[in-house]
Amino acid sequence: MDYTIIEKYINRLIDESAPEAPVWNIENIKHGKPAAWNYIDGCMMTSLYEIYKQSGDKKYLEFIDKFIDYYVDEYGNILGYDRETYNLDNINEGRVLFDLYRETGKQKYKIAIERLYRQIEEQPRTSAGNFWHKKIYPNQVWLDGLYMAQVFYARYETEFNRGANYYDIVRQFRNAYENMYDKNKKLYYHGWDVSKEAFWSDGETGLSKSFWLRAIGWYTVGLVDTISYMDTSFPNLKAELITIFRKTVEGLERYIDPEKKMFWQVVDQGGREGNYLETSGSAMIAYAMMKGARLGYTDKRFAAVGEEVFKGICREYLTETDGKLNLGGICLMAGLGPETNVKRDGTYEYYISEPVVENDAKGTGPFVMAYTEIKKLK
């Protein structure tokens, strides 16, 4: 397969974007939201930094620095960030601050890192010890949040805190594995309400109803990225996460569509009316499989498995219109509740009802990340 067209696609996204108006933030565009710190841009910044590391082309680093510089002022204040919402999504974009601080030496990036870490320190927790997903979702653990916060948390612990809180990080993943993983299906439920009070939660388990692909993708990427940032000072803790990651990936393999080589929006309901092959979650799992194989966390054959999933995305959803490449098949958004939005009830019917779009960074970011693993394989 000719992968050079993907770099053409990446460059188009950069050329048509500005910090206050990135073309990949379809959610903000659709809802007319003003520019503010958010996890969607964070996905794209992380992926572009990986492209920079892979290629050495300074234009990517310069773009990232210009983009984040717009959101972080000289005192480390972050545009649109409010710590007291205790929203784990807001931690995600902080990942790239570590890289920019190292690359540029700008002190404001270090101050911003400390601001986000303060949220980690103060984040409300469930009785089991996991972070609440947001202040407005008390006692709720979402798979998404384990990606949004734990990777940043692990980087901070490794780079600035000598791994002092590695145990806390591992415990939160362990709790998700022990409480949200269906041992028969080999899949994770999207949400877990420890209090069992949310309208979408099961009265006995507190779990949501379905296996949503992107949530599982977030979690799987969260695992592999967190492991990669942990140093070797705590080998038993790192080994525990590797075991969970290996079981997660091995369980997912059975759900790859045998013809199209992608995953379905509701993972275990392939072919059911209304279900569709979804790009973002497929790209996340492809990336995790390839990275995990490269770093020795899983059997090396998963490098080829992940590449096949990536090729499936390209065949199914990478198209050209009027000379421009577009990436389709991306679920715009999905969540659980709150009480004022009973549509978001975690059912199959809900997950297939959300809009499907092109070029949103929840899909393009993981797609670019997976592409960097392809380049490493080659």
Protein backbone atom coordinates (compact mmCIF):
# COMPACT_ATOMS: atom_id res chain seq x y z
CA MET A 1 0.00 0.00 0.00
CA ASP A 2 1.21 3.50 -0.86
CA TYR A 3 1.29 5.34 2.47
CA THR A 4 2.66 8.61 1.04
CA ILE A 5 -0.89 9.90 0.55
CA ILE A 6 -1.29 9.90 4.33
CA GLU A 7 1.44 12.50 4.73
CA LYS A 8 -0.39 14.56 2.14
CA TYR A 9 -3.51 14.29 4.29
CA ILE A 10 -1.63 15.29 7.47
CA ASN A 11 -0.13 18.33 5.76
CA ARG A 12 -3.55 19.44 4.53
CA LEU A 13 -4.88 19.38 8.09
CA ILE A 14 -1.97 21.53 9.25
CA ASP A 15 -2.11 23.97 6.35
CA GLU A 16 -5.83 24.63 6.81
CA SER A 17 -5.73 25.04 10.60
CA ALA A 18 -4.99 27.84 13.04
CA PRO A 19 -4.95 27.58 16.86
CA GLU A 20 -8.26 29.36 17.17
CA ALA A 21 -9.86 27.39 14.29
CA PRO A 22 -8.46 23.89 13.74
CA VAL A 23 -10.26 22.04 10.95
CA TRP A 24 -10.12 18.77 12.88
CA ASN A 25 -12.26 19.92 15.83
CA ILE A 26 -15.57 19.11 14.18
CA GLU A 27 -17.38 19.05 17.53
CA ASN A 28 -16.47 22.68 18.26
CA ILE A 29 -17.29 23.72 14.70
CA LYS A 30 -20.73 22.08 14.78
CA HIS A 31 -21.64 23.60 18.13
CA GLY A 32 -20.06 27.02 17.57
CA LYS A 33 -17.88 26.73 20.65
CA PRO A 34 -15.12 29.33 21.18
CA ALA A 35 -11.49 28.22 21.15
CA ALA A 36 -10.53 26.66 24.48
CA TRP A 37 -8.22 23.99 25.88
CA ASN A 38 -9.68 20.57 25.02
CA TYR A 39 -8.82 16.90 24.62
CA ILE A 40 -9.69 16.80 20.91
CA ASP A 41 -6.88 19.20 19.99
CA GLY A 42 -4.73 17.26 22.44
CA CYS A 43 -5.15 14.09 20.39
CA MET A 44 -3.90 15.90 17.30
CA MET A 45 -0.96 17.59 19.03
CA THR A 46 0.23 14.27 20.45
CA SER A 47 0.05 12.61 17.05
CA LEU A 48 1.85 15.48 15.30
CA TYR A 49 4.65 15.32 17.85
CA GLU A 50 5.09 11.64 17.04
CA ILE A 51 5.32 12.56 13.35
CA TYR A 52 7.96 15.15 14.23
CA LYS A 53 9.99 12.58 16.18
CA GLN A 54 9.68 10.13 13.31
CA SER A 55 10.55 12.55 10.51
CA GLY A 56 12.73 15.17 12.21
CA ASP A 57 10.87 17.80 10.17
CA LYS A 58 10.83 20.98 12.28
CA LYS A 59 7.64 22.26 10.66
CA TYR A 60 5.65 19.88 12.86
CA LEU A 61 7.32 21.05 16.06
CA GLU A 62 6.90 24.69 15.04
CA PHE A 63 3.22 24.12 14.37
CA ILE A 64 2.67 22.43 17.75
CA ASP A 65 4.55 25.16 19.60
CA LYS A 66 2.59 27.91 17.85
CA PHE A 67 -0.68 26.09 18.54
CA ILE A 68 -0.09 25.48 22.27
CA ASP A 69 1.52 28.90 22.72
CA TYR A 70 -1.86 30.38 21.80
CA TYR A 71 -3.52 28.57 24.71
CA VAL A 72 -0.85 29.00 27.41
CA ASP A 73 0.12 32.52 28.45
CA GLU A 74 3.43 33.63 29.95
CA TYR A 75 2.22 32.83 33.47
CA GLY A 76 1.17 29.29 32.59
CA ASN A 77 -2.55 30.13 32.57
CA ILE A 78 -4.49 27.93 30.18
CA LEU A 79 -7.18 29.44 27.94
CA GLY A 80 -10.61 28.06 28.82
CA TYR A 81 -9.33 25.69 31.51
CA ASP A 82 -11.22 25.55 34.81
CA ARG A 83 -9.71 23.14 37.32
CA GLU A 84 -12.80 23.15 39.50
CA THR A 85 -14.88 21.32 36.88
CA TYR A 86 -12.58 18.35 37.64
CA ASN A 87 -12.98 17.11 34.09
CA LEU A 88 -10.42 14.43 33.22
CA ASP A 89 -10.73 15.29 29.52
CA ASN A 90 -8.89 18.55 30.24
CA ILE A 91 -5.77 16.69 31.33
CA ASN A 92 -5.16 15.03 27.97
CA GLU A 93 -3.78 18.01 26.04
CA GLY A 94 -1.23 18.44 28.82
CA ARG A 95 0.74 15.47 27.48
CA VAL A 96 2.38 17.56 24.79
CA LEU A 97 3.48 20.17 27.36
CA PHE A 98 6.21 17.80 28.56
CA ASP A 99 7.57 17.58 25.03
CA LEU A 100 7.36 21.31 24.38
CA TYR A 101 9.03 22.13 27.69
CA ARG A 102 11.92 19.85 26.81
CA GLU A 103 12.16 21.10 23.20
CA THR A 104 11.77 24.86 23.82
CA GLY A 105 12.73 25.40 27.45
CA LYS A 106 9.77 27.75 27.89
CA GLN A 107 9.05 27.93 31.60
CA LYS A 108 5.38 28.64 31.02
CA TYR A 109 4.90 25.08 29.80
CA LYS A 110 6.31 23.71 33.05
CA ILE A 111 3.98 25.99 35.05
CA ALA A 112 1.03 24.75 33.00
CA ILE A 113 2.06 21.13 33.72
CA GLU A 114 1.99 21.91 37.44
CA ARG A 115 -1.48 23.47 37.11
CA LEU A 116 -2.82 20.30 35.53
CA TYR A 117 -1.06 18.10 38.07
CA ARG A 118 -2.80 20.02 40.83
CA GLN A 119 -6.09 18.78 39.36
CA ILE A 120 -4.74 15.21 39.54
CA GLU A 121 -3.97 15.76 43.22
CA GLU A 122 -7.42 17.17 43.98
CA GLN A 123 -9.59 15.07 41.64
CA PRO A 124 -12.56 13.50 43.48
CA ARG A 125 -12.37 9.71 43.72
CA THR A 126 -14.69 6.76 44.00
CA SER A 127 -14.61 4.54 47.07
CA ALA A 128 -12.47 2.14 45.01
CA GLY A 129 -9.85 4.84 44.47
CA ASN A 130 -10.50 5.78 40.84
CA PHE A 131 -10.89 9.35 39.67
CA TRP A 132 -14.42 10.54 38.98
CA HIS A 133 -14.70 11.15 35.24
CA LYS A 134 -15.97 14.68 35.88
CA LYS A 135 -17.38 16.60 38.82
CA ILE A 136 -20.81 16.41 37.15
CA TYR A 137 -20.50 12.59 37.03
CA PRO A 138 -19.99 11.67 40.70
CA ASN A 139 -18.65 8.18 41.45
CA GLN A 140 -18.45 7.34 37.75
CA VAL A 141 -15.47 5.73 36.04
CA TRP A 142 -15.39 5.89 32.23
CA LEU A 143 -12.82 4.05 30.15
CA ASP A 144 -12.17 7.35 28.35
CA GLY A 145 -10.87 8.92 31.54
CA LEU A 146 -8.16 6.31 32.02
CA TYR A 147 -6.63 7.54 28.79
CA MET A 148 -7.25 11.22 29.45
CA ALA A 149 -5.55 11.35 32.85
CA GLN A 150 -3.33 8.35 33.50
CA VAL A 151 -0.85 8.92 30.66
CA PHE A 152 -0.21 12.49 31.80
CA TYR A 153 -0.07 11.24 35.42
CA ALA A 154 2.53 8.60 34.53
CA ARG A 155 4.67 11.08 32.63
CA TYR A 156 4.66 13.47 35.56
CA GLU A 157 5.57 10.74 38.01
CA THR A 158 8.44 9.55 35.81
CA GLU A 159 9.87 12.96 34.95
CA PHE A 160 9.26 14.95 38.12
CA ASN A 161 8.28 12.66 41.01
CA ARG A 162 10.47 9.53 40.80
CA GLY A 163 7.44 7.32 40.25
CA ALA A 164 6.09 7.97 43.74
CA ASN A 165 2.48 7.43 42.64
CA TYR A 166 2.93 4.57 40.19
CA TYR A 167 0.95 2.32 42.53
CA ASP A 168 -2.05 4.66 42.35
CA ILE A 169 -1.92 4.62 38.54
CA VAL A 170 -1.74 0.83 38.38
CA ARG A 171 -4.54 0.47 40.95
CA GLN A 172 -6.89 2.52 38.78
CA PHE A 173 -6.25 0.33 35.74
CA ARG A 174 -6.54 -2.77 37.91
CA ASN A 175 -9.92 -1.63 39.23
CA ALA A 176 -11.14 -1.12 35.66
CA TYR A 177 -9.95 -4.58 34.66
CA GLU A 178 -11.47 -6.27 37.70
CA ASN A 179 -14.82 -4.46 37.57
CA MET A 180 -15.46 -3.39 33.94
CA TYR A 181 -14.02 -6.32 31.98
CA ASP A 182 -16.40 -9.08 30.92
CA LYS A 183 -14.30 -12.24 31.25
CA ASN A 184 -16.52 -14.14 28.79
CA LYS A 185 -16.86 -11.49 26.11
CA LYS A 186 -13.25 -10.31 26.65
CA LEU A 187 -14.46 -6.71 26.37
CA TYR A 188 -14.84 -3.70 28.68
CA TYR A 189 -18.08 -1.89 29.42
CA HIS A 190 -17.94 1.86 28.78
CA GLY A 191 -18.87 3.06 32.26
CA TRP A 192 -18.99 1.98 35.90
CA ASP A 193 -20.99 3.88 38.53
CA VAL A 194 -19.56 2.71 41.83
CA SER A 195 -22.60 4.13 43.66
CA LYS A 196 -25.00 2.33 41.25
CA GLU A 197 -27.20 5.42 41.19
CA ALA A 198 -26.82 6.64 37.58
CA PHE A 199 -29.90 5.93 35.45
CA TRP A 200 -27.78 4.07 32.89
CA SER A 201 -26.08 1.76 35.41
CA ASP A 202 -26.98 -1.81 36.31
CA GLY A 203 -28.44 -2.03 39.80
CA GLU A 204 -26.18 -4.92 40.81
CA THR A 205 -22.89 -4.16 39.04
CA GLY A 206 -23.07 -0.41 38.37
CA LEU A 207 -21.99 -1.10 34.78
CA SER A 208 -23.32 0.44 31.59
CA LYS A 209 -25.03 -1.73 28.99
CA SER A 210 -22.79 -1.96 25.92
CA PHE A 211 -19.26 -2.34 24.59
CA TRP A 212 -18.54 0.94 22.80
CA LEU A 213 -15.53 0.72 20.53
CA ARG A 214 -13.90 4.11 21.09
CA ALA A 215 -14.09 3.80 24.88
CA ILE A 216 -12.26 0.47 24.63
CA GLY A 217 -9.82 2.12 22.24
CA TRP A 218 -9.10 4.96 24.68
CA TYR A 219 -8.49 2.45 27.45
CA THR A 220 -6.19 0.26 25.34
CA VAL A 221 -4.11 3.22 24.18
CA GLY A 222 -4.06 4.52 27.75
CA LEU A 223 -2.56 1.24 28.87
CA VAL A 224 0.16 1.01 26.24
CA ASP A 225 1.16 4.68 26.52
CA THR A 226 1.21 4.60 30.32
CA ILE A 227 3.40 1.48 30.32
CA SER A 228 5.79 3.11 27.87
CA TYR A 229 6.29 6.14 30.14
CA MET A 230 6.92 4.15 33.31
CA ASP A 231 10.59 3.56 34.09
CA THR A 232 12.05 0.28 35.31
CA SER A 233 12.27 1.25 38.99
CA PHE A 234 9.02 -0.58 39.78
CA PRO A 235 9.17 -3.74 37.63
CA ASN A 236 6.29 -5.54 39.32
CA LEU A 237 3.87 -2.68 38.77
CA LYS A 238 4.90 -2.33 35.14
CA ALA A 239 4.57 -6.08 34.65
CA GLU A 240 1.04 -6.00 36.06
CA LEU A 241 -0.04 -3.41 33.50
CA ILE A 242 1.62 -5.38 30.71
CA THR A 243 -0.40 -8.45 31.72
CA ILE A 244 -3.65 -6.46 31.63
CA PHE A 245 -2.68 -4.95 28.27
CA ARG A 246 -1.86 -8.35 26.79
CA LYS A 247 -5.20 -9.82 27.88
CA THR A 248 -7.02 -6.77 26.52
CA VAL A 249 -5.42 -7.00 23.08
CA GLU A 250 -5.78 -10.76 22.81
CA GLY A 251 -9.46 -10.48 23.70
CA LEU A 252 -10.06 -7.83 21.05
CA GLU A 253 -8.55 -9.82 18.18
CA ARG A 254 -11.63 -12.04 17.81
CA TYR A 255 -13.79 -9.01 17.02
CA ILE A 256 -11.90 -7.84 13.93
CA ASP A 257 -14.27 -8.06 10.96
CA PRO A 258 -12.87 -10.92 8.85
CA GLU A 259 -13.52 -9.16 5.55
CA LYS A 260 -13.06 -5.46 6.24
CA LYS A 261 -10.39 -5.84 8.97
CA MET A 262 -11.94 -3.15 11.19
CA PHE A 263 -13.93 -3.06 14.43
CA TRP A 264 -17.63 -2.24 14.78
CA GLN A 265 -19.05 0.76 16.65
CA VAL A 266 -20.71 -1.61 19.14
CA VAL A 267 -17.95 -4.15 19.20
CA ASP A 268 -19.77 -7.43 19.78
CA GLN A 269 -22.71 -6.65 17.47
CA GLY A 270 -20.99 -6.89 14.08
CA GLY A 271 -23.45 -6.90 11.18
CA ARG A 272 -26.46 -5.91 13.29
CA GLU A 273 -28.77 -3.39 11.63
CA GLY A 274 -27.51 0.15 12.15
CA ASN A 275 -24.06 -0.87 13.35
CA TYR A 276 -21.06 0.30 11.32
CA LEU A 277 -17.31 -0.08 11.05
CA GLU A 278 -15.86 2.82 13.05
CA THR A 279 -12.57 4.58 12.36
CA SER A 280 -11.43 6.16 15.63
CA GLY A 281 -11.62 3.07 17.81
CA SER A 282 -10.16 0.88 15.07
CA ALA A 283 -7.21 3.27 14.70
CA MET A 284 -6.63 3.36 18.45
CA ILE A 285 -6.51 -0.41 18.71
CA ALA A 286 -4.32 -0.71 15.60
CA TYR A 287 -1.87 1.75 17.16
CA ALA A 288 -1.88 -0.05 20.50
CA MET A 289 -1.35 -3.44 18.88
CA MET A 290 1.60 -2.26 16.80
CA LYS A 291 3.22 -0.29 19.61
CA GLY A 292 2.71 -3.09 22.11
CA ALA A 293 4.29 -5.61 19.73
CA ARG A 294 7.22 -3.29 18.99
CA LEU A 295 7.96 -2.77 22.69
CA GLY A 296 7.56 -6.45 23.58
CA TYR A 297 4.36 -6.13 25.61
CA THR A 298 2.52 -8.61 23.38
CA ASP A 299 3.34 -11.31 20.85
CA LYS A 300 5.14 -9.79 17.87
CA ARG A 301 2.45 -11.06 15.49
CA PHE A 302 0.23 -8.21 16.70
CA ALA A 303 2.33 -5.82 14.64
CA ALA A 304 0.91 -7.43 11.50
CA VAL A 305 -2.59 -7.65 13.01
CA GLY A 306 -2.54 -3.93 13.80
CA GLU A 307 -1.25 -3.07 10.35
CA GLU A 308 -4.10 -5.02 8.76
CA VAL A 309 -6.61 -2.99 10.79
CA PHE A 310 -4.89 0.21 9.67
CA LYS A 311 -5.05 -0.89 6.03
CA GLY A 312 -8.74 -1.69 6.52
CA ILE A 313 -9.39 1.90 7.64
CA CYS A 314 -7.54 3.25 4.60
CA ARG A 315 -9.51 1.07 2.21
CA GLU A 316 -12.86 1.79 3.81
CA TYR A 317 -12.70 5.44 4.77
CA LEU A 318 -9.72 7.34 3.30
CA THR A 319 -11.17 9.03 0.22
CA GLU A 320 -10.39 11.91 -2.11
CA THR A 321 -12.88 14.64 -3.03
CA ASP A 322 -11.96 17.60 -5.23
CA GLY A 323 -8.28 16.78 -4.78
CA LYS A 324 -8.54 16.68 -0.97
CA LEU A 325 -8.12 13.58 1.15
CA ASN A 326 -10.73 12.96 3.84
CA LEU A 327 -11.00 10.40 6.64
CA GLY A 328 -14.55 9.25 7.32
CA GLY A 329 -16.37 6.79 9.56
CA ILE A 330 -15.70 8.73 12.78
CA CYS A 331 -18.29 8.74 15.56
CA LEU A 332 -18.53 12.41 16.54
CA MET A 333 -19.22 11.87 20.25
CA ALA A 334 -20.81 9.53 22.76
CA GLY A 335 -21.21 9.48 26.52
CA LEU A 336 -23.32 8.39 29.47
CA GLY A 337 -25.88 10.80 30.90
CA PRO A 338 -26.13 13.15 32.76
CA GLU A 339 -29.68 12.94 34.10
CA THR A 340 -30.69 15.84 31.86
CA ASN A 341 -29.76 13.81 28.76
CA VAL A 342 -31.48 10.47 29.10
CA LYS A 343 -30.80 9.68 25.45
CA ARG A 344 -27.24 8.81 26.48
CA ASP A 345 -28.30 5.63 28.21
CA GLY A 346 -25.54 3.26 27.06
CA THR A 347 -27.78 1.10 24.88
CA TYR A 348 -26.95 -0.25 21.44
CA GLU A 349 -29.58 2.08 19.95
CA TYR A 350 -27.90 5.09 21.53
CA TYR A 351 -24.37 4.36 20.30
CA ILE A 352 -25.46 3.92 16.68
CA SER A 353 -27.54 7.12 16.79
CA GLU A 354 -24.71 9.63 17.24
CA PRO A 355 -23.48 11.50 14.11
CA VAL A 356 -20.74 10.01 11.92
CA VAL A 357 -18.34 12.61 10.49
CA GLU A 358 -15.12 13.13 8.57
CA ASN A 359 -11.75 14.47 9.74
CA ASP A 360 -12.54 14.89 13.44
CA ALA A 361 -9.37 14.62 15.54
CA LYS A 362 -10.84 11.86 17.71
CA GLY A 363 -10.31 9.81 14.55
CA THR A 364 -7.52 11.64 12.72
CA GLY A 365 -5.29 11.84 15.81
CA PRO A 366 -5.26 8.07 16.45
CA PHE A 367 -5.02 7.47 12.69
CA VAL A 368 -1.84 9.56 12.55
CA MET A 369 -0.51 7.82 15.68
CA ALA A 370 -1.08 4.46 14.02
CA TYR A 371 0.70 5.75 10.94
CA THR A 372 3.79 6.56 13.02
CA GLU A 373 3.85 2.92 14.13
CA ILE A 374 3.58 1.84 10.49
CA LYS A 375 6.63 3.97 9.72
CA LYS A 376 8.52 2.36 12.60
CA LEU A 377 7.60 -1.09 11.29
CA LYS A 378 8.93 -0.17 7.87
